[in-house]
N, C-alpha and C. Protein backbone atom coordinates (compact mmCIF):
# COMPACT_ATOMS: atom_id res chain seq x y z
N MET A 1 0.85 -1.15 0.00
CA MET A 1 0.00 0.00 0.00
C MET A 1 0.89 1.22 0.00
N TYR A 2 0.56 2.22 -0.78
CA TYR A 2 1.29 3.47 -0.80
C TYR A 2 0.48 4.51 -0.05
N ALA A 3 1.18 5.38 0.66
CA ALA A 3 0.52 6.44 1.41
C ALA A 3 1.33 7.70 1.32
N HIS A 4 0.66 8.83 1.18
CA HIS A 4 1.30 10.13 1.27
C HIS A 4 1.23 10.54 2.73
N LEU A 5 2.37 10.74 3.36
CA LEU A 5 2.41 11.17 4.75
C LEU A 5 2.71 12.66 4.77
N TYR A 6 1.87 13.42 5.46
CA TYR A 6 2.01 14.86 5.52
C TYR A 6 2.96 15.26 6.63
N ASN A 7 3.71 16.32 6.40
CA ASN A 7 4.64 16.85 7.39
C ASN A 7 3.84 17.46 8.52
N THR A 8 4.05 16.99 9.75
CA THR A 8 3.26 17.47 10.88
C THR A 8 3.65 18.87 11.31
N ASP A 9 4.84 19.35 10.91
CA ASP A 9 5.26 20.70 11.29
C ASP A 9 4.43 21.76 10.58
N THR A 10 3.99 21.47 9.36
CA THR A 10 3.22 22.44 8.59
C THR A 10 1.75 22.05 8.51
N MET A 11 1.34 21.08 9.32
CA MET A 11 -0.02 20.56 9.23
C MET A 11 -1.01 21.62 9.67
N GLY A 12 -1.88 22.00 8.82
CA GLY A 12 -2.94 22.93 9.12
C GLY A 12 -4.14 22.57 8.27
N SER A 13 -3.84 22.19 7.05
CA SER A 13 -4.86 21.73 6.12
C SER A 13 -4.16 20.88 5.08
N LEU A 14 -4.92 20.21 4.26
CA LEU A 14 -4.34 19.27 3.30
C LEU A 14 -4.21 19.89 1.91
N PHE A 15 -3.40 20.93 1.80
CA PHE A 15 -3.16 21.56 0.51
C PHE A 15 -2.01 20.87 -0.20
N ARG A 16 -2.03 20.91 -1.50
CA ARG A 16 -0.98 20.26 -2.28
C ARG A 16 0.41 20.83 -1.99
N SER A 17 0.51 22.09 -1.63
CA SER A 17 1.81 22.71 -1.44
C SER A 17 2.47 22.32 -0.12
N GLU A 18 1.75 21.62 0.74
CA GLU A 18 2.34 21.22 2.01
C GLU A 18 3.30 20.06 1.80
N GLY A 19 4.31 20.01 2.68
CA GLY A 19 5.31 18.95 2.57
C GLY A 19 4.71 17.59 2.82
N MET A 20 5.10 16.61 1.99
CA MET A 20 4.64 15.24 2.18
C MET A 20 5.67 14.30 1.59
N ALA A 21 5.57 13.07 1.97
CA ALA A 21 6.46 12.03 1.46
C ALA A 21 5.62 10.85 1.01
N LEU A 22 6.04 10.25 -0.11
CA LEU A 22 5.37 9.05 -0.59
C LEU A 22 6.07 7.85 0.03
N CYS A 23 5.33 7.06 0.77
CA CYS A 23 5.89 5.91 1.47
C CYS A 23 5.14 4.66 1.07
N GLN A 24 5.84 3.56 1.09
CA GLN A 24 5.20 2.27 0.85
C GLN A 24 5.16 1.53 2.18
N LEU A 25 3.97 1.11 2.57
CA LEU A 25 3.79 0.41 3.83
C LEU A 25 3.56 -1.06 3.56
N PHE A 26 4.26 -1.90 4.30
CA PHE A 26 4.04 -3.33 4.25
C PHE A 26 3.46 -3.73 5.60
N LEU A 27 2.22 -4.16 5.61
CA LEU A 27 1.55 -4.50 6.85
C LEU A 27 1.11 -5.95 6.83
N GLN A 28 1.23 -6.60 7.97
CA GLN A 28 0.68 -7.95 8.08
C GLN A 28 -0.83 -7.83 8.11
N SER A 29 -1.50 -8.77 7.48
CA SER A 29 -2.96 -8.65 7.39
C SER A 29 -3.62 -8.63 8.76
N GLU A 30 -3.03 -9.26 9.78
CA GLU A 30 -3.63 -9.25 11.12
C GLU A 30 -3.61 -7.86 11.74
N SER A 31 -2.62 -7.05 11.38
CA SER A 31 -2.50 -5.72 11.99
C SER A 31 -2.89 -4.60 11.05
N ALA A 32 -3.24 -4.91 9.81
CA ALA A 32 -3.53 -3.87 8.82
C ALA A 32 -4.68 -2.97 9.25
N TYR A 33 -5.76 -3.54 9.75
CA TYR A 33 -6.92 -2.74 10.15
C TYR A 33 -6.53 -1.72 11.21
N THR A 34 -5.84 -2.18 12.25
CA THR A 34 -5.47 -1.31 13.35
C THR A 34 -4.52 -0.21 12.89
N CYS A 35 -3.54 -0.57 12.06
CA CYS A 35 -2.58 0.42 11.58
C CYS A 35 -3.24 1.48 10.70
N VAL A 36 -4.05 1.05 9.76
CA VAL A 36 -4.72 2.00 8.86
C VAL A 36 -5.70 2.86 9.65
N SER A 37 -6.38 2.27 10.61
CA SER A 37 -7.31 3.02 11.45
C SER A 37 -6.59 4.11 12.22
N GLU A 38 -5.48 3.77 12.85
CA GLU A 38 -4.70 4.75 13.62
C GLU A 38 -4.19 5.86 12.71
N LEU A 39 -3.66 5.51 11.56
CA LEU A 39 -3.16 6.52 10.63
C LEU A 39 -4.29 7.43 10.15
N GLY A 40 -5.44 6.84 9.86
CA GLY A 40 -6.58 7.63 9.41
C GLY A 40 -7.07 8.59 10.47
N GLU A 41 -7.07 8.16 11.73
CA GLU A 41 -7.54 9.02 12.81
C GLU A 41 -6.59 10.19 13.06
N LEU A 42 -5.32 10.02 12.74
CA LEU A 42 -4.37 11.12 12.86
C LEU A 42 -4.65 12.20 11.81
N GLY A 43 -5.23 11.81 10.70
CA GLY A 43 -5.55 12.76 9.64
C GLY A 43 -4.33 13.26 8.90
N LEU A 44 -3.26 12.50 8.93
CA LEU A 44 -2.02 12.92 8.29
C LEU A 44 -1.64 12.06 7.11
N VAL A 45 -2.59 11.24 6.64
CA VAL A 45 -2.27 10.27 5.60
C VAL A 45 -3.31 10.33 4.49
N GLN A 46 -2.84 10.18 3.28
CA GLN A 46 -3.72 10.04 2.12
C GLN A 46 -3.27 8.77 1.41
N PHE A 47 -4.16 7.81 1.23
CA PHE A 47 -3.79 6.53 0.65
C PHE A 47 -3.97 6.54 -0.86
N ARG A 48 -3.12 5.82 -1.53
CA ARG A 48 -3.18 5.70 -2.99
C ARG A 48 -3.67 4.30 -3.33
N ASP A 49 -4.64 4.23 -4.22
CA ASP A 49 -5.19 2.94 -4.65
C ASP A 49 -4.24 2.30 -5.66
N LEU A 50 -3.67 1.18 -5.30
CA LEU A 50 -2.74 0.49 -6.18
C LEU A 50 -3.43 -0.44 -7.16
N ASN A 51 -4.74 -0.61 -7.00
CA ASN A 51 -5.51 -1.49 -7.88
C ASN A 51 -6.74 -0.76 -8.41
N PRO A 52 -6.55 0.32 -9.15
CA PRO A 52 -7.72 1.09 -9.60
C PRO A 52 -8.62 0.33 -10.57
N ASP A 53 -8.07 -0.70 -11.22
CA ASP A 53 -8.86 -1.46 -12.19
C ASP A 53 -9.67 -2.58 -11.55
N VAL A 54 -9.45 -2.83 -10.26
CA VAL A 54 -10.17 -3.91 -9.58
C VAL A 54 -11.56 -3.43 -9.21
N ASN A 55 -12.54 -4.21 -9.56
CA ASN A 55 -13.93 -3.92 -9.25
C ASN A 55 -14.10 -3.83 -7.72
N ALA A 56 -14.95 -2.94 -7.26
CA ALA A 56 -15.16 -2.77 -5.82
C ALA A 56 -15.60 -4.06 -5.15
N PHE A 57 -16.33 -4.91 -5.87
CA PHE A 57 -16.82 -6.16 -5.29
C PHE A 57 -15.75 -7.24 -5.24
N GLN A 58 -14.61 -7.00 -5.87
CA GLN A 58 -13.53 -7.98 -5.86
C GLN A 58 -12.47 -7.64 -4.81
N ARG A 59 -12.65 -6.57 -4.09
CA ARG A 59 -11.65 -6.16 -3.10
C ARG A 59 -11.77 -7.00 -1.84
N LYS A 60 -10.66 -7.07 -1.12
CA LYS A 60 -10.56 -7.97 0.01
C LYS A 60 -11.54 -7.64 1.13
N PHE A 61 -11.73 -6.37 1.46
CA PHE A 61 -12.54 -6.00 2.61
C PHE A 61 -13.90 -5.43 2.22
N VAL A 62 -14.44 -5.88 1.09
CA VAL A 62 -15.69 -5.32 0.60
C VAL A 62 -16.84 -5.56 1.57
N ASN A 63 -16.88 -6.71 2.22
CA ASN A 63 -17.98 -6.99 3.16
C ASN A 63 -17.93 -6.08 4.37
N GLU A 64 -16.72 -5.79 4.87
CA GLU A 64 -16.59 -4.89 6.00
C GLU A 64 -17.00 -3.47 5.63
N VAL A 65 -16.63 -3.04 4.42
CA VAL A 65 -17.02 -1.71 3.96
C VAL A 65 -18.53 -1.61 3.82
N ARG A 66 -19.15 -2.65 3.29
CA ARG A 66 -20.62 -2.67 3.16
C ARG A 66 -21.28 -2.58 4.54
N ARG A 67 -20.75 -3.32 5.51
CA ARG A 67 -21.31 -3.28 6.87
C ARG A 67 -21.21 -1.88 7.44
N CYS A 68 -20.07 -1.23 7.24
CA CYS A 68 -19.89 0.14 7.73
C CYS A 68 -20.86 1.10 7.05
N ASP A 69 -21.01 0.96 5.74
CA ASP A 69 -21.96 1.82 5.01
C ASP A 69 -23.38 1.62 5.53
N GLU A 70 -23.74 0.38 5.78
CA GLU A 70 -25.09 0.09 6.27
C GLU A 70 -25.30 0.66 7.67
N MET A 71 -24.30 0.52 8.53
CA MET A 71 -24.43 1.10 9.88
C MET A 71 -24.51 2.62 9.82
N GLU A 72 -23.72 3.22 8.93
CA GLU A 72 -23.76 4.68 8.78
C GLU A 72 -25.15 5.12 8.32
N ARG A 73 -25.75 4.37 7.40
CA ARG A 73 -27.09 4.69 6.92
C ARG A 73 -28.10 4.62 8.07
N LYS A 74 -28.00 3.58 8.90
CA LYS A 74 -28.92 3.42 10.03
C LYS A 74 -28.73 4.54 11.05
N LEU A 75 -27.48 4.91 11.30
CA LEU A 75 -27.21 5.99 12.26
C LEU A 75 -27.74 7.33 11.74
N ARG A 76 -27.59 7.58 10.44
CA ARG A 76 -28.15 8.82 9.87
C ARG A 76 -29.67 8.83 10.03
N TYR A 77 -30.30 7.67 9.82
CA TYR A 77 -31.75 7.57 10.00
C TYR A 77 -32.13 7.89 11.45
N LEU A 78 -31.42 7.27 12.39
CA LEU A 78 -31.71 7.52 13.81
C LEU A 78 -31.54 9.00 14.16
N GLU A 79 -30.47 9.61 13.67
CA GLU A 79 -30.24 11.02 13.95
C GLU A 79 -31.36 11.88 13.36
N ARG A 80 -31.77 11.56 12.15
CA ARG A 80 -32.86 12.31 11.52
C ARG A 80 -34.14 12.21 12.34
N GLU A 81 -34.47 11.01 12.82
CA GLU A 81 -35.67 10.81 13.61
C GLU A 81 -35.57 11.54 14.96
N ILE A 82 -34.39 11.51 15.57
CA ILE A 82 -34.20 12.20 16.85
C ILE A 82 -34.37 13.69 16.66
N ARG A 83 -33.77 14.25 15.62
CA ARG A 83 -33.89 15.70 15.36
C ARG A 83 -35.33 16.07 15.01
N LYS A 84 -36.02 15.17 14.28
CA LYS A 84 -37.41 15.42 13.90
C LYS A 84 -38.30 15.53 15.13
N ASP A 85 -37.97 14.77 16.19
CA ASP A 85 -38.73 14.81 17.43
C ASP A 85 -38.30 15.96 18.34
N GLY A 86 -37.36 16.79 17.87
CA GLY A 86 -36.95 17.95 18.65
C GLY A 86 -36.01 17.65 19.80
N ILE A 87 -35.41 16.50 19.79
CA ILE A 87 -34.46 16.13 20.85
C ILE A 87 -33.08 16.66 20.45
N PRO A 88 -32.45 17.44 21.33
CA PRO A 88 -31.13 18.00 20.96
C PRO A 88 -30.07 16.90 20.86
N VAL A 89 -29.19 17.07 19.87
CA VAL A 89 -28.10 16.12 19.65
C VAL A 89 -26.79 16.87 19.88
N LEU A 90 -25.97 16.36 20.77
CA LEU A 90 -24.70 16.98 21.06
C LEU A 90 -23.72 16.70 19.93
N ASP A 91 -23.17 17.76 19.34
CA ASP A 91 -22.18 17.61 18.28
C ASP A 91 -20.86 18.15 18.81
N THR A 92 -19.95 17.24 19.13
CA THR A 92 -18.65 17.64 19.67
C THR A 92 -17.69 18.06 18.57
N GLY A 93 -18.04 17.78 17.32
CA GLY A 93 -17.17 18.12 16.21
C GLY A 93 -16.03 17.12 16.04
N GLU A 94 -16.00 16.09 16.86
CA GLU A 94 -14.95 15.09 16.78
C GLU A 94 -15.51 13.79 16.21
N ASN A 95 -14.67 13.08 15.51
CA ASN A 95 -15.05 11.76 15.02
C ASN A 95 -14.65 10.73 16.05
N PRO A 96 -15.51 9.78 16.35
CA PRO A 96 -15.12 8.72 17.30
C PRO A 96 -14.05 7.83 16.68
N GLU A 97 -13.32 7.14 17.53
CA GLU A 97 -12.32 6.21 17.03
C GLU A 97 -13.00 5.07 16.28
N ALA A 98 -12.31 4.54 15.30
CA ALA A 98 -12.84 3.42 14.54
C ALA A 98 -12.93 2.19 15.44
N PRO A 99 -14.05 1.51 15.44
CA PRO A 99 -14.17 0.31 16.29
C PRO A 99 -13.35 -0.83 15.73
N MET A 100 -12.93 -1.70 16.61
CA MET A 100 -12.24 -2.91 16.19
C MET A 100 -13.25 -3.82 15.49
N PRO A 101 -12.79 -4.65 14.56
CA PRO A 101 -13.74 -5.52 13.84
C PRO A 101 -14.64 -6.34 14.75
N ARG A 102 -14.11 -6.83 15.85
CA ARG A 102 -14.95 -7.65 16.75
C ARG A 102 -16.01 -6.80 17.46
N GLU A 103 -15.79 -5.49 17.57
CA GLU A 103 -16.77 -4.60 18.19
C GLU A 103 -17.88 -4.22 17.21
N MET A 104 -17.64 -4.43 15.93
CA MET A 104 -18.63 -4.07 14.91
C MET A 104 -19.93 -4.85 15.10
N ILE A 105 -19.82 -6.11 15.46
CA ILE A 105 -21.02 -6.93 15.65
C ILE A 105 -21.87 -6.37 16.78
N ASP A 106 -21.22 -6.00 17.91
CA ASP A 106 -21.96 -5.42 19.04
C ASP A 106 -22.63 -4.11 18.64
N LEU A 107 -21.92 -3.29 17.85
CA LEU A 107 -22.51 -2.02 17.39
C LEU A 107 -23.72 -2.27 16.50
N GLU A 108 -23.59 -3.23 15.59
CA GLU A 108 -24.71 -3.55 14.70
C GLU A 108 -25.92 -4.02 15.49
N VAL A 109 -25.69 -4.88 16.47
CA VAL A 109 -26.80 -5.39 17.28
C VAL A 109 -27.46 -4.26 18.05
N SER A 110 -26.66 -3.38 18.66
CA SER A 110 -27.26 -2.29 19.44
C SER A 110 -28.04 -1.33 18.55
N ILE A 111 -27.57 -1.10 17.33
CA ILE A 111 -28.30 -0.22 16.40
C ILE A 111 -29.62 -0.88 16.01
N ILE A 112 -29.59 -2.16 15.71
CA ILE A 112 -30.82 -2.88 15.34
C ILE A 112 -31.82 -2.88 16.48
N VAL A 113 -31.34 -3.13 17.71
CA VAL A 113 -32.21 -3.12 18.88
C VAL A 113 -32.85 -1.75 19.06
N ASN A 114 -32.05 -0.68 18.87
CA ASN A 114 -32.60 0.68 18.99
C ASN A 114 -33.61 0.99 17.90
N LEU A 115 -33.36 0.50 16.69
CA LEU A 115 -34.32 0.72 15.60
C LEU A 115 -35.64 0.00 15.87
N ILE A 116 -35.54 -1.23 16.36
CA ILE A 116 -36.75 -2.02 16.63
C ILE A 116 -37.56 -1.41 17.78
N SER A 117 -36.86 -0.94 18.81
CA SER A 117 -37.57 -0.43 19.99
C SER A 117 -38.11 0.98 19.78
N SER A 118 -37.69 1.66 18.67
CA SER A 118 -38.19 3.03 18.47
C SER A 118 -39.46 3.05 17.66
């Protein structure tokens, strides 16, 4: 995987003129999720697709991406319904940390339970 790493000394926004380095990362598949998640949360990395010709359905983590998209859709629905009922929603402006894959199942179940009980 190739990644553009941004210089943290000039980090303010992701403009092309900011210093960056092109790096190639070799990650073991067991630790790839955690490493990419941590790098993404730092906001200092831009990843380059090394397989642009590969169909989205042929990619290795397509099922995980679909699950995340589905959970995001359900959460947007819940937020819309909460706002429609006039209940205030606290917006801290921060993104939560990415859950570990084993935590995804618990999140999915809790979202489904909340949807059913509402």
